[in-house]
């Protein structure tokens, strides 16, 4: 039985968009990461998709700014990212730990 996830904190629609687009970009960066991927074509496809996600992320941030949402509430946004498996997803672009020699 899968444990129930905690509920997402209350977010504006634009904040939700920022988190979704950010995590999608992190997923794509993980697929591009040359320390983790072995296929040039899949990395190329992820890089192409990253352009669209970055544009959507910029649009969500612009919308927040235009609406007067000039501050990011980092504690709430971090909580939402944790619920959405953000720690694992944002870790994929990082260089993996060095493996001991065999």
PDB file of N, CA and C in Angstrom:
ATOM      1  N   UNK A   1       0.840  -1.177   0.000  1.00  0.00           N
ATOM      2  CA  UNK A   1       0.000   0.000   0.000  1.00  0.00           C
ATOM      3  C   UNK A   1       0.889   1.247   0.000  1.00  0.00           C
ATOM      4  N   UNK A   2       0.608   2.169  -0.889  1.00  0.00           N
ATOM      5  CA  UNK A   2       1.386   3.394  -1.027  1.00  0.00           C
ATOM      6  C   UNK A   2       0.960   4.392   0.040  1.00  0.00           C
ATOM      7  N   UNK A   3       1.927   4.973   0.773  1.00  0.00           N
ATOM      8  CA  UNK A   3       1.539   5.960   1.788  1.00  0.00           C
ATOM      9  C   UNK A   3       0.958   7.207   1.130  1.00  0.00           C
ATOM     10  N   UNK A   4      -0.005   7.800   1.815  1.00  0.00           N
ATOM     11  CA  UNK A   4      -0.636   9.011   1.293  1.00  0.00           C
ATOM     12  C   UNK A   4       0.314  10.191   1.435  1.00  0.00           C
ATOM     13  N   UNK A   5       0.437  10.962   0.357  1.00  0.00           N
ATOM     14  CA  UNK A   5       1.299  12.141   0.380  1.00  0.00           C
ATOM     15  C   UNK A   5       0.625  13.260   1.164  1.00  0.00           C
ATOM     16  N   UNK A   6       1.434  14.107   1.795  1.00  0.00           N
ATOM     17  CA  UNK A   6       0.828  15.265   2.451  1.00  0.00           C
ATOM     18  C   UNK A   6       0.217  16.186   1.397  1.00  0.00           C
ATOM     19  N   UNK A   7      -0.770  16.966   1.779  1.00  0.00           N
ATOM     20  CA  UNK A   7      -1.388  17.865   0.796  1.00  0.00           C
ATOM     21  C   UNK A   7      -0.421  18.985   0.397  1.00  0.00           C
ATOM     22  N   UNK A   8      -0.595  19.464  -0.812  1.00  0.00           N
ATOM     23  CA  UNK A   8       0.172  20.624  -1.253  1.00  0.00           C
ATOM     24  C   UNK A   8      -0.269  21.844  -0.458  1.00  0.00           C
ATOM     25  N   UNK A   9       0.664  22.719  -0.135  1.00  0.00           N
ATOM     26  CA  UNK A   9       0.242  23.963   0.519  1.00  0.00           C
ATOM     27  C   UNK A   9      -0.549  24.821  -0.469  1.00  0.00           C
ATOM     28  N   UNK A  10      -1.281  25.784   0.069  1.00  0.00           N
ATOM     29  CA  UNK A  10      -2.059  26.683  -0.785  1.00  0.00           C
ATOM     30  C   UNK A  10      -1.110  27.542  -1.612  1.00  0.00           C
ATOM     31  N   UNK A  11      -1.301  27.505  -2.914  1.00  0.00           N
ATOM     32  CA  UNK A  11      -0.464  28.262  -3.849  1.00  0.00           C
ATOM     33  C   UNK A  11      -1.364  29.034  -4.797  1.00  0.00           C
ATOM     34  N   UNK A  12      -0.850  30.146  -5.309  1.00  0.00           N
ATOM     35  CA  UNK A  12      -1.550  30.805  -6.405  1.00  0.00           C
ATOM     36  C   UNK A  12      -1.340  29.941  -7.649  1.00  0.00           C
ATOM     37  N   UNK A  13      -2.157  30.140  -8.648  1.00  0.00           N
ATOM     38  CA  UNK A  13      -1.999  29.383  -9.899  1.00  0.00           C
ATOM     39  C   UNK A  13      -0.618  29.630 -10.498  1.00  0.00           C
ATOM     40  N   UNK A  14      -0.150  30.875 -10.441  1.00  0.00           N
ATOM     41  CA  UNK A  14       1.163  31.202 -10.993  1.00  0.00           C
ATOM     42  C   UNK A  14       2.281  30.521 -10.204  1.00  0.00           C
ATOM     43  N   UNK A  15       2.160  30.458  -8.874  1.00  0.00           N
ATOM     44  CA  UNK A  15       3.164  29.761  -8.071  1.00  0.00           C
ATOM     45  C   UNK A  15       3.205  28.277  -8.435  1.00  0.00           C
ATOM     46  N   UNK A  16       2.036  27.692  -8.617  1.00  0.00           N
ATOM     47  CA  UNK A  16       1.974  26.298  -9.039  1.00  0.00           C
ATOM     48  C   UNK A  16       2.644  26.091 -10.388  1.00  0.00           C
ATOM     49  N   UNK A  17       2.419  27.023 -11.301  1.00  0.00           N
ATOM     50  CA  UNK A  17       3.060  26.956 -12.622  1.00  0.00           C
ATOM     51  C   UNK A  17       4.575  27.052 -12.493  1.00  0.00           C
ATOM     52  N   UNK A  18       5.060  27.964 -11.649  1.00  0.00           N
ATOM     53  CA  UNK A  18       6.506  28.121 -11.457  1.00  0.00           C
ATOM     54  C   UNK A  18       7.099  26.806 -10.962  1.00  0.00           C
ATOM     55  N   UNK A  19       6.479  26.213  -9.966  1.00  0.00           N
ATOM     56  CA  UNK A  19       7.003  24.959  -9.421  1.00  0.00           C
ATOM     57  C   UNK A  19       6.959  23.856 -10.473  1.00  0.00           C
ATOM     58  N   UNK A  20       5.844  23.720 -11.165  1.00  0.00           N
ATOM     59  CA  UNK A  20       5.730  22.675 -12.189  1.00  0.00           C
ATOM     60  C   UNK A  20       6.778  22.842 -13.283  1.00  0.00           C
ATOM     61  N   UNK A  21       6.925  24.064 -13.797  1.00  0.00           N
ATOM     62  CA  UNK A  21       7.885  24.285 -14.880  1.00  0.00           C
ATOM     63  C   UNK A  21       9.324  24.109 -14.382  1.00  0.00           C
ATOM     64  N   UNK A  22       9.602  24.551 -13.144  1.00  0.00           N
ATOM     65  CA  UNK A  22      10.949  24.392 -12.581  1.00  0.00           C
ATOM     66  C   UNK A  22      11.299  22.912 -12.471  1.00  0.00           C
ATOM     67  N   UNK A  23      10.388  22.121 -11.922  1.00  0.00           N
ATOM     68  CA  UNK A  23      10.676  20.698 -11.761  1.00  0.00           C
ATOM     69  C   UNK A  23      10.768  19.984 -13.109  1.00  0.00           C
ATOM     70  N   UNK A  24       9.960  20.400 -14.073  1.00  0.00           N
ATOM     71  CA  UNK A  24      10.083  19.828 -15.412  1.00  0.00           C
ATOM     72  C   UNK A  24      11.449  20.156 -16.007  1.00  0.00           C
ATOM     73  N   UNK A  25      11.912  21.399 -15.810  1.00  0.00           N
ATOM     74  CA  UNK A  25      13.244  21.780 -16.295  1.00  0.00           C
ATOM     75  C   UNK A  25      14.331  20.966 -15.596  1.00  0.00           C
ATOM     76  N   UNK A  26      14.174  20.742 -14.288  1.00  0.00           N
ATOM     77  CA  UNK A  26      15.148  19.918 -13.556  1.00  0.00           C
ATOM     78  C   UNK A  26      15.158  18.494 -14.102  1.00  0.00           C
ATOM     79  N   UNK A  27      13.972  17.950 -14.395  1.00  0.00           N
ATOM     80  CA  UNK A  27      13.898  16.610 -14.983  1.00  0.00           C
ATOM     81  C   UNK A  27      14.664  16.558 -16.299  1.00  0.00           C
ATOM     82  N   UNK A  28      14.468  17.577 -17.119  1.00  0.00           N
ATOM     83  CA  UNK A  28      15.141  17.610 -18.421  1.00  0.00           C
ATOM     84  C   UNK A  28      16.646  17.786 -18.263  1.00  0.00           C
ATOM     85  N   UNK A  29      17.071  18.643 -17.339  1.00  0.00           N
ATOM     86  CA  UNK A  29      18.503  18.799 -17.093  1.00  0.00           C
ATOM     87  C   UNK A  29      19.122  17.488 -16.624  1.00  0.00           C
ATOM     88  N   UNK A  30      18.369  16.721 -15.843  1.00  0.00           N
ATOM     89  CA  UNK A  30      18.846  15.406 -15.434  1.00  0.00           C
ATOM     90  C   UNK A  30      19.036  14.479 -16.614  1.00  0.00           C
ATOM     91  N   UNK A  31      18.153  14.575 -17.605  1.00  0.00           N
ATOM     92  CA  UNK A  31      18.278  13.741 -18.808  1.00  0.00           C
ATOM     93  C   UNK A  31      19.435  14.187 -19.692  1.00  0.00           C
ATOM     94  N   UNK A  32      19.806  15.460 -19.592  1.00  0.00           N
ATOM     95  CA  UNK A  32      20.909  16.010 -20.393  1.00  0.00           C
ATOM     96  C   UNK A  32      22.245  15.777 -19.707  1.00  0.00           C
ATOM     97  N   UNK A  33      22.253  15.626 -18.399  1.00  0.00           N
ATOM     98  CA  UNK A  33      23.469  15.535 -17.593  1.00  0.00           C
ATOM     99  C   UNK A  33      24.439  14.506 -18.180  1.00  0.00           C
ATOM    100  N   UNK A  34      25.597  14.956 -18.694  1.00  0.00           N
ATOM    101  CA  UNK A  34      26.534  14.022 -19.317  1.00  0.00           C
ATOM    102  C   UNK A  34      27.175  13.051 -18.326  1.00  0.00           C
ATOM    103  N   UNK A  35      27.049  13.308 -17.042  1.00  0.00           N
ATOM    104  CA  UNK A  35      27.565  12.375 -16.041  1.00  0.00           C
ATOM    105  C   UNK A  35      26.561  11.261 -15.742  1.00  0.00           C
ATOM    106  N   UNK A  36      25.363  11.360 -16.312  1.00  0.00           N
ATOM    107  CA  UNK A  36      24.331  10.350 -16.050  1.00  0.00           C
ATOM    108  C   UNK A  36      23.779   9.702 -17.309  1.00  0.00           C
ATOM    109  N   UNK A  37      23.779  10.385 -18.431  1.00  0.00           N
ATOM    110  CA  UNK A  37      23.142   9.844 -19.630  1.00  0.00           C
ATOM    111  C   UNK A  37      24.180   9.202 -20.544  1.00  0.00           C
ATOM    112  N   UNK A  38      23.737   8.247 -21.325  1.00  0.00           N
ATOM    113  CA  UNK A  38      24.649   7.556 -22.243  1.00  0.00           C
ATOM    114  C   UNK A  38      24.255   7.744 -23.699  1.00  0.00           C
ATOM    115  N   UNK A  39      23.105   8.342 -23.963  1.00  0.00           N
ATOM    116  CA  UNK A  39      22.613   8.473 -25.327  1.00  0.00           C
ATOM    117  C   UNK A  39      22.554   9.934 -25.768  1.00  0.00           C
ATOM    118  N   UNK A  40      23.279  10.246 -26.817  1.00  0.00           N
ATOM    119  CA  UNK A  40      23.298  11.608 -27.346  1.00  0.00           C
ATOM    120  C   UNK A  40      21.910  12.045 -27.806  1.00  0.00           C
ATOM    121  N   UNK A  41      21.185  11.161 -28.490  1.00  0.00           N
ATOM    122  CA  UNK A  41      19.892  11.546 -29.042  1.00  0.00           C
ATOM    123  C   UNK A  41      18.899  11.909 -27.939  1.00  0.00           C
ATOM    124  N   UNK A  42      18.844  11.109 -26.880  1.00  0.00           N
ATOM    125  CA  UNK A  42      17.896  11.430 -25.798  1.00  0.00           C
ATOM    126  C   UNK A  42      18.294  12.731 -25.096  1.00  0.00           C
ATOM    127  N   UNK A  43      19.595  12.990 -24.966  1.00  0.00           N
ATOM    128  CA  UNK A  43      20.048  14.254 -24.376  1.00  0.00           C
ATOM    129  C   UNK A  43      19.674  15.423 -25.282  1.00  0.00           C
ATOM    130  N   UNK A  44      19.813  15.240 -26.592  1.00  0.00           N
ATOM    131  CA  UNK A  44      19.436  16.276 -27.552  1.00  0.00           C
ATOM    132  C   UNK A  44      17.947  16.585 -27.455  1.00  0.00           C
ATOM    133  N   UNK A  45      17.118  15.548 -27.404  1.00  0.00           N
ATOM    134  CA  UNK A  45      15.667  15.761 -27.297  1.00  0.00           C
ATOM    135  C   UNK A  45      15.307  16.492 -26.006  1.00  0.00           C
ATOM    136  N   UNK A  46      15.958  16.125 -24.919  1.00  0.00           N
ATOM    137  CA  UNK A  46      15.708  16.793 -23.644  1.00  0.00           C
ATOM    138  C   UNK A  46      16.145  18.253 -23.713  1.00  0.00           C
ATOM    139  N   UNK A  47      17.272  18.519 -24.354  1.00  0.00           N
ATOM    140  CA  UNK A  47      17.751  19.903 -24.487  1.00  0.00           C
ATOM    141  C   UNK A  47      16.777  20.733 -25.315  1.00  0.00           C
ATOM    142  N   UNK A  48      16.228  20.140 -26.363  1.00  0.00           N
ATOM    143  CA  UNK A  48      15.244  20.851 -27.173  1.00  0.00           C
ATOM    144  C   UNK A  48      13.991  21.163 -26.355  1.00  0.00           C
ATOM    145  N   UNK A  49      13.533  20.219 -25.555  1.00  0.00           N
ATOM    146  CA  UNK A  49      12.344  20.426 -24.731  1.00  0.00           C
ATOM    147  C   UNK A  49      12.612  21.435 -23.614  1.00  0.00           C
ATOM    148  N   UNK A  50      13.863  21.500 -23.153  1.00  0.00           N
ATOM    149  CA  UNK A  50      14.223  22.424 -22.082  1.00  0.00           C
ATOM    150  C   UNK A  50      13.959  23.874 -22.488  1.00  0.00           C
ATOM    151  N   UNK A  51      14.157  24.190 -23.737  1.00  0.00           N
ATOM    152  CA  UNK A  51      13.910  25.556 -24.219  1.00  0.00           C
ATOM    153  C   UNK A  51      12.450  25.940 -23.977  1.00  0.00           C
ATOM    154  N   UNK A  52      11.538  25.038 -24.302  1.00  0.00           N
ATOM    155  CA  UNK A  52      10.112  25.319 -24.106  1.00  0.00           C
ATOM    156  C   UNK A  52       9.785  25.450 -22.626  1.00  0.00           C
ATOM    157  N   UNK A  53      10.318  24.561 -21.785  1.00  0.00           N
ATOM    158  CA  UNK A  53      10.033  24.630 -20.346  1.00  0.00           C
ATOM    159  C   UNK A  53      10.590  25.918 -19.749  1.00  0.00           C
ATOM    160  N   UNK A  54      11.783  26.332 -20.182  1.00  0.00           N
ATOM    161  CA  UNK A  54      12.370  27.576 -19.673  1.00  0.00           C
ATOM    162  C   UNK A  54      11.512  28.774 -20.075  1.00  0.00           C
ATOM    163  N   UNK A  55      10.995  28.762 -21.283  1.00  0.00           N
ATOM    164  CA  UNK A  55      10.110  29.833 -21.739  1.00  0.00           C
ATOM    165  C   UNK A  55       8.836  29.864 -20.914  1.00  0.00           C
ATOM    166  N   UNK A  56       8.274  28.696 -20.610  1.00  0.00           N
ATOM    167  CA  UNK A  56       7.068  28.621 -19.795  1.00  0.00           C
ATOM    168  C   UNK A  56       7.344  29.056 -18.354  1.00  0.00           C
ATOM    169  N   UNK A  57       8.511  28.713 -17.837  1.00  0.00           N
ATOM    170  CA  UNK A  57       8.898  29.137 -16.492  1.00  0.00           C
ATOM    171  C   UNK A  57       9.022  30.655 -16.433  1.00  0.00           C
ATOM    172  N   UNK A  58       9.661  31.222 -17.443  1.00  0.00           N
ATOM    173  CA  UNK A  58       9.781  32.688 -17.506  1.00  0.00           C
ATOM    174  C   UNK A  58       8.403  33.330 -17.557  1.00  0.00           C
ATOM    175  N   UNK A  59       7.485  32.783 -18.347  1.00  0.00           N
ATOM    176  CA  UNK A  59       6.137  33.342 -18.469  1.00  0.00           C
ATOM    177  C   UNK A  59       5.402  33.284 -17.131  1.00  0.00           C
ATOM    178  N   UNK A  60       5.559  32.189 -16.388  1.00  0.00           N
ATOM    179  CA  UNK A  60       4.902  32.083 -15.084  1.00  0.00           C
ATOM    180  C   UNK A  60       5.460  33.122 -14.114  1.00  0.00           C
ATOM    181  N   UNK A  61       6.766  33.324 -14.127  1.00  0.00           N
ATOM    182  CA  UNK A  61       7.374  34.339 -13.249  1.00  0.00           C
ATOM    183  C   UNK A  61       6.960  35.748 -13.669  1.00  0.00           C
ATOM    184  N   UNK A  62       6.886  35.994 -14.968  1.00  0.00           N
ATOM    185  CA  UNK A  62       6.418  37.297 -15.446  1.00  0.00           C
ATOM    186  C   UNK A  62       4.989  37.561 -14.991  1.00  0.00           C
ATOM    187  N   UNK A  63       4.138  36.541 -15.077  1.00  0.00           N
ATOM    188  CA  UNK A  63       2.750  36.684 -14.654  1.00  0.00           C
ATOM    189  C   UNK A  63       2.669  37.021 -13.173  1.00  0.00           C
ATOM    190  N   UNK A  64       3.453  36.329 -12.367  1.00  0.00           N
ATOM    191  CA  UNK A  64       3.476  36.642 -10.938  1.00  0.00           C
ATOM    192  C   UNK A  64       3.870  38.097 -10.718  1.00  0.00           C
ATOM    193  N   UNK A  65       4.908  38.536 -11.392  1.00  0.00           N
ATOM    194  CA  UNK A  65       5.404  39.904 -11.217  1.00  0.00           C
ATOM    195  C   UNK A  65       4.345  40.920 -11.655  1.00  0.00           C
ATOM    196  N   UNK A  66       3.716  40.663 -12.797  1.00  0.00           N
ATOM    197  CA  UNK A  66       2.695  41.572 -13.307  1.00  0.00           C
ATOM    198  C   UNK A  66       1.493  41.664 -12.367  1.00  0.00           C
ATOM    199  N   UNK A  67       1.191  40.596 -11.673  1.00  0.00           N
ATOM    200  CA  UNK A  67       0.070  40.571 -10.725  1.00  0.00           C
ATOM    201  C   UNK A  67       0.432  41.180  -9.376  1.00  0.00           C
ATOM    202  N   UNK A  68       1.661  41.612  -9.233  1.00  0.00           N
ATOM    203  CA  UNK A  68       2.081  42.207  -7.971  1.00  0.00           C
ATOM    204  C   UNK A  68       2.666  41.216  -6.995  1.00  0.00           C
ATOM    205  N   UNK A  69       2.859  39.985  -7.415  1.00  0.00           N
ATOM    206  CA  UNK A  69       3.485  38.975  -6.558  1.00  0.00           C
ATOM    207  C   UNK A  69       5.001  39.137  -6.718  1.00  0.00           C
ATOM    208  N   UNK A  70       5.580  40.059  -5.973  1.00  0.00           N
ATOM    209  CA  UNK A  70       6.989  40.407  -6.149  1.00  0.00           C
ATOM    210  C   UNK A  70       7.929  39.598  -5.282  1.00  0.00           C
ATOM    211  N   UNK A  71       7.386  38.792  -4.383  1.00  0.00           N
ATOM    212  CA  UNK A  71       8.230  37.975  -3.517  1.00  0.00           C
ATOM    213  C   UNK A  71       7.864  36.511  -3.685  1.00  0.00           C
ATOM    214  N   UNK A  72       8.891  35.672  -3.653  1.00  0.00           N
ATOM    215  CA  UNK A  72       8.664  34.234  -3.654  1.00  0.00           C
ATOM    216  C   UNK A  72       8.680  33.774  -2.195  1.00  0.00           C
ATOM    217  N   UNK A  73       7.667  33.053  -1.801  1.00  0.00           N
ATOM    218  CA  UNK A  73       7.564  32.559  -0.429  1.00  0.00           C
ATOM    219  C   UNK A  73       8.270  31.208  -0.370  1.00  0.00           C
ATOM    220  N   UNK A  74       9.582  31.279  -0.142  1.00  0.00           N
ATOM    221  CA  UNK A  74      10.438  30.114  -0.297  1.00  0.00           C
ATOM    222  C   UNK A  74      10.043  28.942   0.601  1.00  0.00           C
ATOM    223  N   UNK A  75       9.643  29.202   1.807  1.00  0.00           N
ATOM    224  CA  UNK A  75       9.287  28.103   2.710  1.00  0.00           C
ATOM    225  C   UNK A  75       8.095  27.315   2.159  1.00  0.00           C
ATOM    226  N   UNK A  76       7.078  28.008   1.707  1.00  0.00           N
ATOM    227  CA  UNK A  76       5.879  27.363   1.167  1.00  0.00           C
ATOM    228  C   UNK A  76       6.204  26.667  -0.157  1.00  0.00           C
ATOM    229  N   UNK A  77       6.965  27.335  -1.000  1.00  0.00           N
ATOM    230  CA  UNK A  77       7.307  26.746  -2.295  1.00  0.00           C
ATOM    231  C   UNK A  77       8.196  25.514  -2.116  1.00  0.00           C
ATOM    232  N   UNK A  78       9.120  25.567  -1.173  1.00  0.00           N
ATOM    233  CA  UNK A  78       9.970  24.406  -0.898  1.00  0.00           C
ATOM    234  C   UNK A  78       9.137  23.234  -0.393  1.00  0.00           C
ATOM    235  N   UNK A  79       8.152  23.519   0.452  1.00  0.00           N
ATOM    236  CA  UNK A  79       7.266  22.458   0.949  1.00  0.00           C
ATOM    237  C   UNK A  79       6.514  21.800  -0.208  1.00  0.00           C
ATOM    238  N   UNK A  80       5.998  22.622  -1.120  1.00  0.00           N
ATOM    239  CA  UNK A  80       5.287  22.086  -2.284  1.00  0.00           C
ATOM    240  C   UNK A  80       6.226  21.248  -3.150  1.00  0.00           C
ATOM    241  N   UNK A  81       7.449  21.710  -3.316  1.00  0.00           N
ATOM    242  CA  UNK A  81       8.406  20.953  -4.126  1.00  0.00           C
ATOM    243  C   UNK A  81       8.728  19.606  -3.479  1.00  0.00           C
ATOM    244  N   UNK A  82       8.829  19.572  -2.158  1.00  0.00           N
ATOM    245  CA  UNK A  82       9.080  18.294  -1.469  1.00  0.00           C
ATOM    246  C   UNK A  82       7.941  17.306  -1.700  1.00  0.00           C
ATOM    247  N   UNK A  83       6.702  17.799  -1.627  1.00  0.00           N
ATOM    248  CA  UNK A  83       5.543  16.934  -1.865  1.00  0.00           C
ATOM    249  C   UNK A  83       5.593  16.367  -3.280  1.00  0.00           C
ATOM    250  N   UNK A  84       6.107  17.138  -4.223  1.00  0.00           N
ATOM    251  CA  UNK A  84       6.174  16.715  -5.624  1.00  0.00           C
ATOM    252  C   UNK A  84       7.485  16.002  -5.964  1.00  0.00           C
ATOM    253  N   UNK A  85       8.167  15.476  -4.953  1.00  0.00           N
ATOM    254  CA  UNK A  85       9.413  14.720  -5.137  1.00  0.00           C
ATOM    255  C   UNK A  85      10.525  15.606  -5.696  1.00  0.00           C
ATOM    256  N   UNK A  86      10.484  16.877  -5.337  1.00  0.00           N
ATOM    257  CA  UNK A  86      11.437  17.841  -5.865  1.00  0.00           C
ATOM    258  C   UNK A  86      12.871  17.600  -5.449  1.00  0.00           C
ATOM    259  N   UNK A  87      13.101  17.046  -4.266  1.00  0.00           N
ATOM    260  CA  UNK A  87      14.484  16.814  -3.835  1.00  0.00           C
ATOM    261  C   UNK A  87      15.170  15.810  -4.759  1.00  0.00           C
ATOM    262  N   UNK A  88      14.491  14.733  -5.083  1.00  0.00           N
ATOM    263  CA  UNK A  88      15.072  13.750  -6.000  1.00  0.00           C
ATOM    264  C   UNK A  88      15.199  14.337  -7.403  1.00  0.00           C
ATOM    265  N   UNK A  89      14.129  14.983  -7.873  1.00  0.00           N
ATOM    266  CA  UNK A  89      14.113  15.505  -9.235  1.00  0.00           C
ATOM    267  C   UNK A  89      15.165  16.594  -9.436  1.00  0.00           C
ATOM    268  N   UNK A  90      15.332  17.483  -8.454  1.00  0.00           N
ATOM    269  CA  UNK A  90      16.316  18.558  -8.574  1.00  0.00           C
ATOM    270  C   UNK A  90      17.735  18.038  -8.393  1.00  0.00           C
ATOM    271  N   UNK A  91      17.899  16.852  -7.822  1.00  0.00           N
ATOM    272  CA  UNK A  91      19.226  16.276  -7.658  1.00  0.00           C
ATOM    273  C   UNK A  91      19.771  15.617  -8.910  1.00  0.00           C
ATOM    274  N   UNK A  92      18.922  15.307  -9.865  1.00  0.00           N
ATOM    275  CA  UNK A  92      19.365  14.619 -11.090  1.00  0.00           C
ATOM    276  C   UNK A  92      20.359  15.429 -11.924  1.00  0.00           C
ATOM    277  N   UNK A  93      20.264  16.761 -11.985  1.00  0.00           N
ATOM    278  CA  UNK A  93      21.265  17.506 -12.755  1.00  0.00           C
ATOM    279  C   UNK A  93      22.657  17.518 -12.107  1.00  0.00           C
ATOM    280  N   UNK A  94      22.752  17.157 -10.834  1.00  0.00           N
ATOM    281  CA  UNK A  94      24.038  17.197 -10.132  1.00  0.00           C
ATOM    282  C   UNK A  94      24.948  16.058 -10.602  1.00  0.00           C
ATOM    283  N   UNK A  95      26.234  16.240 -10.386  1.00  0.00           N
ATOM    284  CA  UNK A  95      27.198  15.184 -10.693  1.00  0.00           C
ATOM    285  C   UNK A  95      27.043  14.110  -9.629  1.00  0.00           C
ATOM    286  N   UNK A  96      26.891  12.858 -10.038  1.00  0.00           N
ATOM    287  CA  UNK A  96      26.736  11.803  -9.037  1.00  0.00           C
ATOM    288  C   UNK A  96      27.998  11.633  -8.213  1.00  0.00           C
ATOM    289  N   UNK A  97      27.858  11.109  -6.999  1.00  0.00           N
ATOM    290  CA  UNK A  97      29.050  10.904  -6.169  1.00  0.00           C
ATOM    291  C   UNK A  97      30.025   9.960  -6.860  1.00  0.00           C
ATOM    292  N   UNK A  98      31.290  10.177  -6.593  1.00  0.00           N
ATOM    293  CA  UNK A  98      32.325   9.341  -7.197  1.00  0.00           C
ATOM    294  C   UNK A  98      32.199   7.922  -6.656  1.00  0.00           C
ATOM    295  N   UNK A  99      32.286   6.963  -7.553  1.00  0.00           N
ATOM    296  CA  UNK A  99      32.203   5.561  -7.181  1.00  0.00           C
ATOM    297  C   UNK A  99      33.604   5.040  -6.846  1.00  0.00           C
ATOM    298  N   UNK A 100      33.746   4.257  -5.787  1.00  0.00           N
ATOM    299  CA  UNK A 100      35.068   3.718  -5.483  1.00  0.00           C
ATOM    300  C   UNK A 100      35.510   2.761  -6.584  1.00  0.00           C
ATOM    301  N   UNK A 101      36.822   2.659  -6.831  1.00  0.00           N
ATOM    302  CA  UNK A 101      37.296   1.741  -7.874  1.00  0.00           C
ATOM    303  C   UNK A 101      36.944   0.300  -7.530  1.00  0.00           C
ATOM    304  N   UNK A 102      36.696  -0.482  -8.555  1.00  0.00           N
ATOM    305  CA  UNK A 102      36.333  -1.891  -8.346  1.00  0.00           C
ATOM    306  C   UNK A 102      37.549  -2.766  -8.433  1.00  0.00           C
TER     307      UNK A 102
END
